[in-house]
Amino acid sequence: MPREVNILALIKGDERYVFVYDSASREQLIDLFREYAANPALSFSWLDAAVLTERVRRQGTSDWRTRRFLPTGDRFWAS
């Protein structure tokens, strides 16, 4: 059985954050969001970490595939 890979992206102005992960690495990815948010050299904020954490957790459920993602300013939000 092929391994399912998820892709999550955040676009902030000229910066691009792209994360590729599988179900076994979800918690590691959430830890990485916290590290990025705590790093003052990055534009990655605590709000970004919270939104992406919720998205990663939602991708672990069956309903995430039915959601649309629409651009709003410099981020993409679920509708």
Protein backbone atom coordinates (compact mmCIF):
# COMPACT_ATOMS: atom_id res chain seq x y z
CA MET A 1 0.00 0.00 0.00
CA PRO A 2 1.47 3.40 -0.97
CA ARG A 3 2.15 5.89 1.80
CA GLU A 4 -0.12 8.95 1.77
CA VAL A 5 1.77 12.23 1.71
CA ASN A 6 0.23 15.57 2.66
CA ILE A 7 1.36 18.99 1.45
CA LEU A 8 0.67 22.17 3.37
CA ALA A 9 1.79 25.62 2.22
CA LEU A 10 1.78 29.11 3.70
CA ILE A 11 2.56 32.12 1.52
CA LYS A 12 3.51 35.34 3.30
CA GLY A 13 4.52 38.10 0.93
CA ASP A 14 7.68 36.91 -0.80
CA GLU A 15 8.20 34.01 1.62
CA ARG A 16 6.96 30.48 1.00
CA TYR A 17 6.65 27.82 3.68
CA VAL A 18 5.93 24.39 2.18
CA PHE A 19 5.59 21.31 4.37
CA VAL A 20 5.43 17.73 3.07
CA TYR A 21 4.55 15.13 5.69
CA ASP A 22 2.84 11.81 6.31
CA SER A 23 0.52 10.76 9.13
CA ALA A 24 3.43 9.42 11.20
CA SER A 25 5.14 12.83 11.28
CA ARG A 26 2.18 15.06 12.23
CA GLU A 27 3.36 15.73 15.79
CA GLN A 28 6.90 16.50 14.61
CA LEU A 29 5.48 19.00 12.14
CA ILE A 30 3.44 20.70 14.86
CA ASP A 31 6.62 20.95 16.96
CA LEU A 32 8.34 22.54 13.96
CA PHE A 33 5.57 25.15 13.72
CA ARG A 34 6.28 26.09 17.35
CA GLU A 35 10.02 26.35 16.65
CA TYR A 36 9.40 28.56 13.62
CA ALA A 37 7.00 30.82 15.55
CA ALA A 38 9.54 31.25 18.37
CA ASN A 39 12.30 32.21 15.91
CA PRO A 40 12.42 36.02 15.60
CA ALA A 41 14.42 35.73 12.36
CA LEU A 42 11.37 34.26 10.59
CA SER A 43 8.11 35.99 9.69
CA PHE A 44 6.28 32.83 10.81
CA SER A 45 3.94 33.96 13.61
CA TRP A 46 2.15 32.22 16.45
CA LEU A 47 -1.09 32.78 14.54
CA ASP A 48 0.45 30.95 11.55
CA ALA A 49 1.45 28.11 13.89
CA ALA A 50 -2.06 27.88 15.34
CA VAL A 51 -3.81 27.93 11.96
CA LEU A 52 -1.47 25.36 10.41
CA THR A 53 -1.67 23.13 13.51
CA GLU A 54 -5.45 23.09 13.18
CA ARG A 55 -5.15 22.30 9.48
CA VAL A 56 -2.75 19.40 10.15
CA ARG A 57 -5.06 17.99 12.80
CA ARG A 58 -8.05 18.36 10.50
CA GLN A 59 -6.22 16.53 7.72
CA GLY A 60 -6.15 13.56 10.05
CA THR A 61 -9.96 13.40 9.86
CA SER A 62 -12.14 12.37 6.96
CA ASP A 63 -13.88 15.73 6.46
CA TRP A 64 -10.84 17.83 5.47
CA ARG A 65 -11.02 16.77 1.80
CA THR A 66 -14.39 18.46 1.39
CA ARG A 67 -13.11 21.91 2.34
CA ARG A 68 -12.07 24.63 -0.11
CA PHE A 69 -9.06 26.84 0.50
CA LEU A 70 -9.40 30.42 -0.66
CA PRO A 71 -6.74 33.12 -0.79
CA THR A 72 -7.24 35.88 1.79
CA GLY A 73 -4.54 38.53 1.80
CA ASP A 74 -1.21 36.78 2.03
CA ARG A 75 -2.57 33.51 3.48
CA PHE A 76 -4.90 30.71 2.44
CA TRP A 77 -7.88 30.00 4.67
CA ALA A 78 -10.43 27.21 4.69
CA SER A 79 -14.00 28.04 3.84
